[in-house]
Amino acid sequence: MANLQWTSLSARLQANGESRDFSSLDALIRHVTGTDLPVDSLFSWLQGIPAPALGWQADLHDLGIGRLSAQRAAPYTPATLKIILDR
């Protein structure tokens, strides 16, 4: 488990008893996942809003049961994002 905290000016990752600071939430997410994610769209998706994100297609059909998935396709490096919410 990890704790992520952020403001408009910085972000912090706390995991395994250590903290690491980043210049932005995007930079923190890139570090954690190894790729860029559409953070602004992701927050909309989590609210059930089908926001556009260049190269990404979100599937919000199972959001009501705590499941979100999104696919990134060509011309970008393919990626799959799966989030399971524990409510």
N, C-alpha and C. Protein backbone atom coordinates (compact mmCIF):
# COMPACT_ATOMS: atom_id res chain seq x y z
N MET A 1 0.84 -1.17 0.00
CA MET A 1 0.00 0.00 0.00
C MET A 1 0.88 1.24 0.00
N ALA A 2 0.33 2.28 -0.55
CA ALA A 2 1.05 3.55 -0.60
C ALA A 2 0.06 4.67 -0.33
N ASN A 3 0.58 5.78 0.11
CA ASN A 3 -0.20 6.98 0.34
C ASN A 3 0.31 8.05 -0.62
N LEU A 4 -0.59 8.59 -1.43
CA LEU A 4 -0.25 9.66 -2.36
C LEU A 4 -0.93 10.93 -1.89
N GLN A 5 -0.17 12.00 -1.79
CA GLN A 5 -0.70 13.31 -1.43
C GLN A 5 -0.21 14.30 -2.47
N TRP A 6 -1.07 15.27 -2.83
CA TRP A 6 -0.65 16.24 -3.82
C TRP A 6 -1.38 17.55 -3.66
N THR A 7 -0.73 18.58 -4.19
CA THR A 7 -1.31 19.91 -4.33
C THR A 7 -1.05 20.32 -5.78
N SER A 8 -1.41 21.53 -6.12
CA SER A 8 -1.12 22.00 -7.48
C SER A 8 0.37 22.24 -7.69
N LEU A 9 1.16 22.25 -6.62
CA LEU A 9 2.59 22.57 -6.71
C LEU A 9 3.52 21.38 -6.51
N SER A 10 3.03 20.29 -5.91
CA SER A 10 3.92 19.16 -5.62
C SER A 10 3.10 17.91 -5.33
N ALA A 11 3.82 16.78 -5.21
CA ALA A 11 3.18 15.51 -4.86
C ALA A 11 4.15 14.70 -4.01
N ARG A 12 3.58 13.85 -3.16
CA ARG A 12 4.42 13.04 -2.27
C ARG A 12 3.90 11.61 -2.28
N LEU A 13 4.84 10.69 -2.36
CA LEU A 13 4.56 9.26 -2.27
C LEU A 13 5.14 8.76 -0.97
N GLN A 14 4.30 8.09 -0.16
CA GLN A 14 4.76 7.48 1.09
C GLN A 14 4.47 5.99 0.99
N ALA A 15 5.56 5.19 1.06
CA ALA A 15 5.42 3.74 0.97
C ALA A 15 6.61 3.10 1.66
N ASN A 16 6.35 1.98 2.30
CA ASN A 16 7.41 1.22 2.97
C ASN A 16 8.19 2.07 3.97
N GLY A 17 7.51 2.98 4.66
CA GLY A 17 8.15 3.81 5.66
C GLY A 17 9.01 4.93 5.11
N GLU A 18 8.96 5.16 3.82
CA GLU A 18 9.76 6.20 3.18
C GLU A 18 8.86 7.18 2.43
N SER A 19 9.35 8.42 2.27
CA SER A 19 8.64 9.45 1.51
C SER A 19 9.50 9.89 0.35
N ARG A 20 8.85 10.20 -0.75
CA ARG A 20 9.56 10.75 -1.91
C ARG A 20 8.70 11.86 -2.49
N ASP A 21 9.32 13.01 -2.77
CA ASP A 21 8.61 14.16 -3.31
C ASP A 21 8.80 14.26 -4.82
N PHE A 22 7.76 14.77 -5.49
CA PHE A 22 7.75 14.95 -6.93
C PHE A 22 7.25 16.35 -7.25
N SER A 23 7.58 16.83 -8.44
CA SER A 23 7.19 18.18 -8.83
C SER A 23 5.70 18.30 -9.18
N SER A 24 5.05 17.16 -9.45
CA SER A 24 3.63 17.19 -9.82
C SER A 24 3.01 15.81 -9.62
N LEU A 25 1.70 15.76 -9.64
CA LEU A 25 1.01 14.48 -9.57
C LEU A 25 1.32 13.65 -10.81
N ASP A 26 1.41 14.29 -11.96
CA ASP A 26 1.76 13.57 -13.20
C ASP A 26 3.11 12.88 -13.06
N ALA A 27 4.10 13.56 -12.49
CA ALA A 27 5.43 12.98 -12.31
C ALA A 27 5.37 11.80 -11.34
N LEU A 28 4.60 11.93 -10.27
CA LEU A 28 4.46 10.84 -9.31
C LEU A 28 3.81 9.63 -9.98
N ILE A 29 2.73 9.85 -10.71
CA ILE A 29 2.03 8.76 -11.41
C ILE A 29 2.96 8.09 -12.41
N ARG A 30 3.73 8.87 -13.16
CA ARG A 30 4.69 8.32 -14.13
C ARG A 30 5.70 7.43 -13.41
N HIS A 31 6.18 7.86 -12.24
CA HIS A 31 7.13 7.07 -11.46
C HIS A 31 6.50 5.76 -10.98
N VAL A 32 5.29 5.82 -10.48
CA VAL A 32 4.63 4.65 -9.91
C VAL A 32 4.22 3.64 -10.99
N THR A 33 3.70 4.13 -12.12
CA THR A 33 3.15 3.22 -13.13
C THR A 33 4.11 2.96 -14.29
N GLY A 34 5.11 3.81 -14.48
CA GLY A 34 6.03 3.64 -15.60
C GLY A 34 5.54 4.24 -16.89
N THR A 35 4.42 4.94 -16.85
CA THR A 35 3.89 5.57 -18.06
C THR A 35 3.06 6.80 -17.69
N ASP A 36 2.77 7.62 -18.67
CA ASP A 36 1.90 8.77 -18.44
C ASP A 36 0.45 8.31 -18.46
N LEU A 37 -0.32 8.82 -17.53
CA LEU A 37 -1.75 8.55 -17.47
C LEU A 37 -2.49 9.87 -17.56
N PRO A 38 -3.70 9.86 -18.13
CA PRO A 38 -4.49 11.09 -18.23
C PRO A 38 -5.14 11.42 -16.88
N VAL A 39 -4.38 12.01 -15.99
CA VAL A 39 -4.82 12.21 -14.60
C VAL A 39 -6.13 13.00 -14.53
N ASP A 40 -6.24 14.09 -15.27
CA ASP A 40 -7.49 14.87 -15.22
C ASP A 40 -8.68 14.03 -15.66
N SER A 41 -8.52 13.30 -16.74
CA SER A 41 -9.61 12.43 -17.22
C SER A 41 -9.88 11.32 -16.22
N LEU A 42 -8.85 10.78 -15.61
CA LEU A 42 -9.01 9.71 -14.64
C LEU A 42 -9.93 10.14 -13.49
N PHE A 43 -9.75 11.35 -12.99
CA PHE A 43 -10.62 11.83 -11.92
C PHE A 43 -12.07 11.95 -12.40
N SER A 44 -12.27 12.34 -13.64
CA SER A 44 -13.63 12.38 -14.20
C SER A 44 -14.20 10.97 -14.33
N TRP A 45 -13.39 10.05 -14.85
CA TRP A 45 -13.85 8.66 -15.00
C TRP A 45 -14.29 8.09 -13.66
N LEU A 46 -13.54 8.37 -12.61
CA LEU A 46 -13.88 7.86 -11.28
C LEU A 46 -15.21 8.40 -10.77
N GLN A 47 -15.65 9.53 -11.35
CA GLN A 47 -16.95 10.11 -11.00
C GLN A 47 -18.04 9.66 -11.97
N GLY A 48 -17.67 8.78 -12.93
CA GLY A 48 -18.63 8.28 -13.90
C GLY A 48 -18.81 9.19 -15.10
N ILE A 49 -17.95 10.16 -15.27
CA ILE A 49 -18.02 11.10 -16.39
C ILE A 49 -17.09 10.62 -17.50
N PRO A 50 -17.60 10.35 -18.69
CA PRO A 50 -16.77 9.84 -19.78
C PRO A 50 -15.94 10.94 -20.45
N ALA A 51 -14.95 11.42 -19.75
CA ALA A 51 -14.11 12.50 -20.26
C ALA A 51 -13.13 11.98 -21.31
N PRO A 52 -12.89 12.76 -22.35
CA PRO A 52 -11.94 12.32 -23.38
C PRO A 52 -10.50 12.40 -22.89
N ALA A 53 -9.67 11.50 -23.42
CA ALA A 53 -8.24 11.51 -23.14
C ALA A 53 -7.55 10.99 -24.40
N LEU A 54 -6.67 11.78 -24.95
CA LEU A 54 -6.01 11.46 -26.21
C LEU A 54 -5.37 10.07 -26.17
N GLY A 55 -5.82 9.18 -27.04
CA GLY A 55 -5.28 7.84 -27.14
C GLY A 55 -5.90 6.83 -26.19
N TRP A 56 -6.76 7.28 -25.27
CA TRP A 56 -7.33 6.40 -24.25
C TRP A 56 -8.82 6.19 -24.50
N GLN A 57 -9.29 5.00 -24.17
CA GLN A 57 -10.71 4.67 -24.20
C GLN A 57 -11.07 4.06 -22.85
N ALA A 58 -11.91 4.73 -22.10
CA ALA A 58 -12.29 4.25 -20.77
C ALA A 58 -13.58 3.45 -20.83
N ASP A 59 -13.65 2.40 -20.05
CA ASP A 59 -14.85 1.59 -19.90
C ASP A 59 -15.39 1.82 -18.49
N LEU A 60 -16.49 2.54 -18.41
CA LEU A 60 -17.08 2.90 -17.12
C LEU A 60 -18.27 2.02 -16.74
N HIS A 61 -18.55 0.98 -17.53
CA HIS A 61 -19.75 0.18 -17.32
C HIS A 61 -19.81 -0.50 -15.96
N ASP A 62 -18.67 -0.87 -15.40
CA ASP A 62 -18.66 -1.57 -14.11
C ASP A 62 -18.28 -0.66 -12.95
N LEU A 63 -18.32 0.64 -13.16
CA LEU A 63 -17.95 1.56 -12.09
C LEU A 63 -18.86 1.42 -10.87
N GLY A 64 -20.11 1.07 -11.11
CA GLY A 64 -21.06 0.89 -10.01
C GLY A 64 -20.68 -0.24 -9.06
N ILE A 65 -19.88 -1.19 -9.53
CA ILE A 65 -19.40 -2.27 -8.67
C ILE A 65 -17.91 -2.09 -8.36
N GLY A 66 -17.42 -0.86 -8.56
CA GLY A 66 -16.05 -0.53 -8.16
C GLY A 66 -14.97 -0.94 -9.13
N ARG A 67 -15.30 -1.07 -10.42
CA ARG A 67 -14.31 -1.47 -11.41
C ARG A 67 -14.22 -0.43 -12.52
N LEU A 68 -13.00 -0.04 -12.85
CA LEU A 68 -12.75 0.91 -13.93
C LEU A 68 -11.61 0.36 -14.77
N SER A 69 -11.76 0.39 -16.07
CA SER A 69 -10.66 0.00 -16.94
C SER A 69 -10.57 0.98 -18.09
N ALA A 70 -9.36 1.12 -18.60
CA ALA A 70 -9.11 2.00 -19.74
C ALA A 70 -7.97 1.41 -20.56
N GLN A 71 -8.04 1.61 -21.85
CA GLN A 71 -7.04 1.12 -22.79
C GLN A 71 -6.42 2.28 -23.54
N ARG A 72 -5.10 2.24 -23.70
CA ARG A 72 -4.41 3.19 -24.57
C ARG A 72 -3.99 2.42 -25.81
N ALA A 73 -4.24 3.02 -26.97
CA ALA A 73 -3.98 2.33 -28.24
C ALA A 73 -3.06 3.15 -29.13
N ALA A 74 -2.73 2.55 -30.26
CA ALA A 74 -1.86 3.18 -31.26
C ALA A 74 -2.42 4.55 -31.63
N PRO A 75 -1.55 5.48 -31.94
CA PRO A 75 -0.12 5.34 -32.21
C PRO A 75 0.74 5.36 -30.95
N TYR A 76 0.15 5.36 -29.78
CA TYR A 76 0.90 5.37 -28.53
C TYR A 76 1.25 3.94 -28.13
N THR A 77 2.17 3.80 -27.19
CA THR A 77 2.49 2.49 -26.66
C THR A 77 1.25 1.94 -25.97
N PRO A 78 0.81 0.75 -26.34
CA PRO A 78 -0.39 0.20 -25.72
C PRO A 78 -0.23 0.06 -24.20
N ALA A 79 -1.31 0.35 -23.50
CA ALA A 79 -1.31 0.22 -22.04
C ALA A 79 -2.73 -0.10 -21.60
N THR A 80 -2.83 -0.78 -20.48
CA THR A 80 -4.12 -1.08 -19.87
C THR A 80 -4.09 -0.59 -18.43
N LEU A 81 -5.12 0.14 -18.06
CA LEU A 81 -5.27 0.62 -16.69
C LEU A 81 -6.50 -0.06 -16.10
N LYS A 82 -6.31 -0.72 -14.95
CA LYS A 82 -7.43 -1.35 -14.26
C LYS A 82 -7.41 -0.88 -12.81
N ILE A 83 -8.53 -0.39 -12.35
CA ILE A 83 -8.66 0.09 -10.98
C ILE A 83 -9.82 -0.66 -10.33
N ILE A 84 -9.54 -1.17 -9.13
CA ILE A 84 -10.57 -1.82 -8.33
C ILE A 84 -10.73 -1.00 -7.06
N LEU A 85 -11.92 -0.49 -6.86
CA LEU A 85 -12.21 0.35 -5.70
C LEU A 85 -12.79 -0.51 -4.58
N ASP A 86 -12.25 -0.37 -3.41
CA ASP A 86 -12.74 -1.08 -2.23
C ASP A 86 -13.63 -0.12 -1.47
N ARG A 87 -14.91 -0.35 -1.53
CA ARG A 87 -15.85 0.59 -0.93
C ARG A 87 -16.29 0.15 0.42
